[in-house]
Amino acid sequence: MEIKSLIDTKLKLKNYHGQIYNWSQFPSIEPKFYEIDQMSSPSKEALNIILDKFKIHSLYQHQGELIKNISERQDVFICLDEGSGASLAIDLAVLINILLRKYP
């Protein structure tokens, strides 16, 4: 069922009391993938080893940037939708730091 149909159905129910204030549907966009070559050499090599081991073929742009920033020990704030791959990116960054012994 499309979102519009779902909301229209909800609005017609007897027990609906204005819970939905506003909704918007955004158009689909093509995903952007991260170029691993943007990372520093040791981190890039470690990431390639991990990706090969877990048979991960590509990372989304936000995942790659997150891994790069964490690997470079920069502070990060993450606010992403559920299922966007943030946990995977954080886990990969931790594994890179362990492989390269970058923990304090």
C-alpha atoms as a PDB file:
ATOM      1  CA  MET A   1       0.000   0.000   0.000  1.00  0.00           C
ATOM      2  CA  GLU A   2       1.297   3.435  -0.866  1.00  0.00           C
ATOM      3  CA  ILE A   3       1.869   5.937   1.915  1.00  0.00           C
ATOM      4  CA  LYS A   4      -0.791   8.313   0.583  1.00  0.00           C
ATOM      5  CA  SER A   5      -3.417   5.546   0.587  1.00  0.00           C
ATOM      6  CA  LEU A   6      -2.394   4.454   4.072  1.00  0.00           C
ATOM      7  CA  ILE A   7      -2.730   7.979   5.462  1.00  0.00           C
ATOM      8  CA  ASP A   8      -6.028   8.580   3.661  1.00  0.00           C
ATOM      9  CA  THR A   9      -7.374   5.348   5.184  1.00  0.00           C
ATOM     10  CA  LYS A  10      -6.198   6.397   8.655  1.00  0.00           C
ATOM     11  CA  LEU A  11      -7.828   9.828   8.324  1.00  0.00           C
ATOM     12  CA  LYS A  12     -11.236   8.174   7.658  1.00  0.00           C
ATOM     13  CA  LEU A  13     -11.217   5.958  10.755  1.00  0.00           C
ATOM     14  CA  LYS A  14     -13.641   6.726  13.626  1.00  0.00           C
ATOM     15  CA  ASN A  15     -10.868   6.669  16.198  1.00  0.00           C
ATOM     16  CA  TYR A  16      -8.684   9.164  14.333  1.00  0.00           C
ATOM     17  CA  HIS A  17      -8.305  12.356  16.378  1.00  0.00           C
ATOM     18  CA  GLY A  18      -5.753  14.482  14.532  1.00  0.00           C
ATOM     19  CA  GLN A  19      -2.621  12.501  15.385  1.00  0.00           C
ATOM     20  CA  ILE A  20      -1.146  13.187  11.940  1.00  0.00           C
ATOM     21  CA  TYR A  21      -0.337  16.866  11.742  1.00  0.00           C
ATOM     22  CA  ASN A  22       1.730  16.990   8.592  1.00  0.00           C
ATOM     23  CA  TRP A  23       3.355  14.528   6.239  1.00  0.00           C
ATOM     24  CA  SER A  24       5.560  14.791   3.194  1.00  0.00           C
ATOM     25  CA  GLN A  25       6.727  12.282   0.673  1.00  0.00           C
ATOM     26  CA  PHE A  26      10.161  12.849  -0.799  1.00  0.00           C
ATOM     27  CA  PRO A  27      11.192  11.623  -4.231  1.00  0.00           C
ATOM     28  CA  SER A  28      13.610   8.728  -4.461  1.00  0.00           C
ATOM     29  CA  ILE A  29      17.226   9.582  -5.128  1.00  0.00           C
ATOM     30  CA  GLU A  30      20.048   7.469  -6.456  1.00  0.00           C
ATOM     31  CA  PRO A  31      22.432   6.289  -3.736  1.00  0.00           C
ATOM     32  CA  LYS A  32      25.941   7.723  -3.628  1.00  0.00           C
ATOM     33  CA  PHE A  33      28.753   5.318  -2.933  1.00  0.00           C
ATOM     34  CA  TYR A  34      31.979   6.053  -1.081  1.00  0.00           C
ATOM     35  CA  GLU A  35      35.338   5.926  -2.850  1.00  0.00           C
ATOM     36  CA  ILE A  36      37.611   4.071  -0.435  1.00  0.00           C
ATOM     37  CA  ASP A  37      40.662   5.706  -2.055  1.00  0.00           C
ATOM     38  CA  GLN A  38      39.765   8.888  -0.112  1.00  0.00           C
ATOM     39  CA  MET A  39      41.046   7.284   3.105  1.00  0.00           C
ATOM     40  CA  SER A  40      44.602   7.341   4.369  1.00  0.00           C
ATOM     41  CA  SER A  41      46.682   4.351   3.315  1.00  0.00           C
ATOM     42  CA  PRO A  42      46.779   2.207   6.501  1.00  0.00           C
ATOM     43  CA  SER A  43      43.058   2.730   7.149  1.00  0.00           C
ATOM     44  CA  LYS A  44      42.248   2.013   3.520  1.00  0.00           C
ATOM     45  CA  GLU A  45      44.197  -1.253   3.577  1.00  0.00           C
ATOM     46  CA  ALA A  46      42.556  -2.340   6.843  1.00  0.00           C
ATOM     47  CA  LEU A  47      39.087  -1.448   5.520  1.00  0.00           C
ATOM     48  CA  ASN A  48      39.680  -3.434   2.331  1.00  0.00           C
ATOM     49  CA  ILE A  49      40.724  -6.488   4.384  1.00  0.00           C
ATOM     50  CA  ILE A  50      37.569  -6.234   6.528  1.00  0.00           C
ATOM     51  CA  LEU A  51      35.250  -5.658   3.562  1.00  0.00           C
ATOM     52  CA  ASP A  52      36.732  -8.666   1.745  1.00  0.00           C
ATOM     53  CA  LYS A  53      36.401 -10.838   4.855  1.00  0.00           C
ATOM     54  CA  PHE A  54      32.700 -10.003   5.293  1.00  0.00           C
ATOM     55  CA  LYS A  55      31.994  -9.927   1.530  1.00  0.00           C
ATOM     56  CA  ILE A  56      30.871  -6.285   1.579  1.00  0.00           C
ATOM     57  CA  HIS A  57      31.263  -4.856  -1.912  1.00  0.00           C
ATOM     58  CA  SER A  58      30.557  -1.162  -1.356  1.00  0.00           C
ATOM     59  CA  LEU A  59      29.719   1.453   1.245  1.00  0.00           C
ATOM     60  CA  TYR A  60      27.307   4.340   1.019  1.00  0.00           C
ATOM     61  CA  GLN A  61      28.781   7.833   1.098  1.00  0.00           C
ATOM     62  CA  HIS A  62      27.664   8.514   4.676  1.00  0.00           C
ATOM     63  CA  GLN A  63      29.117   5.193   5.878  1.00  0.00           C
ATOM     64  CA  GLY A  64      32.490   5.862   4.276  1.00  0.00           C
ATOM     65  CA  GLU A  65      32.694   9.384   5.669  1.00  0.00           C
ATOM     66  CA  LEU A  66      31.771   8.120   9.126  1.00  0.00           C
ATOM     67  CA  ILE A  67      34.439   5.402   9.005  1.00  0.00           C
ATOM     68  CA  LYS A  68      37.032   7.873   7.743  1.00  0.00           C
ATOM     69  CA  ASN A  69      36.259  10.424  10.474  1.00  0.00           C
ATOM     70  CA  ILE A  70      36.259   7.867  13.277  1.00  0.00           C
ATOM     71  CA  SER A  71      39.477   6.301  11.955  1.00  0.00           C
ATOM     72  CA  GLU A  72      41.076   9.745  11.960  1.00  0.00           C
ATOM     73  CA  ARG A  73      39.897  10.134  15.581  1.00  0.00           C
ATOM     74  CA  GLN A  74      37.602  13.047  14.787  1.00  0.00           C
ATOM     75  CA  ASP A  75      34.512  13.680  16.879  1.00  0.00           C
ATOM     76  CA  VAL A  76      31.321  12.650  15.110  1.00  0.00           C
ATOM     77  CA  PHE A  77      27.604  13.099  15.699  1.00  0.00           C
ATOM     78  CA  ILE A  78      25.358  10.617  13.916  1.00  0.00           C
ATOM     79  CA  CYS A  79      21.672  11.136  13.231  1.00  0.00           C
ATOM     80  CA  LEU A  80      20.475   8.679  10.604  1.00  0.00           C
ATOM     81  CA  ASP A  81      17.365   6.667   9.892  1.00  0.00           C
ATOM     82  CA  GLU A  82      17.065   3.161  11.225  1.00  0.00           C
ATOM     83  CA  GLY A  83      18.518   0.700   8.747  1.00  0.00           C
ATOM     84  CA  SER A  84      20.844   3.248   7.138  1.00  0.00           C
ATOM     85  CA  GLY A  85      24.003   1.347   8.038  1.00  0.00           C
ATOM     86  CA  ALA A  86      25.346   3.588  10.795  1.00  0.00           C
ATOM     87  CA  SER A  87      25.956   0.683  13.183  1.00  0.00           C
ATOM     88  CA  LEU A  88      27.865  -1.211  10.503  1.00  0.00           C
ATOM     89  CA  ALA A  89      30.003   1.860   9.807  1.00  0.00           C
ATOM     90  CA  ILE A  90      30.807   2.340  13.486  1.00  0.00           C
ATOM     91  CA  ASP A  91      31.663  -1.352  13.869  1.00  0.00           C
ATOM     92  CA  LEU A  92      33.938  -1.221  10.817  1.00  0.00           C
ATOM     93  CA  ALA A  93      35.705   1.864  12.168  1.00  0.00           C
ATOM     94  CA  VAL A  94      36.292   0.122  15.496  1.00  0.00           C
ATOM     95  CA  LEU A  95      37.701  -2.928  13.687  1.00  0.00           C
ATOM     96  CA  ILE A  96      40.035  -0.693  11.670  1.00  0.00           C
ATOM     97  CA  ASN A  97      41.274   0.961  14.853  1.00  0.00           C
ATOM     98  CA  ILE A  98      41.849  -2.437  16.458  1.00  0.00           C
ATOM     99  CA  LEU A  99      43.725  -3.716  13.396  1.00  0.00           C
ATOM    100  CA  LEU A 100      45.886  -0.604  13.347  1.00  0.00           C
ATOM    101  CA  ARG A 101      46.153  -0.449  17.172  1.00  0.00           C
ATOM    102  CA  LYS A 102      44.830   3.113  17.302  1.00  0.00           C
ATOM    103  CA  TYR A 103      43.016   2.739  20.598  1.00  0.00           C
ATOM    104  CA  PRO A 104      44.362   4.668  23.613  1.00  0.00           C
END
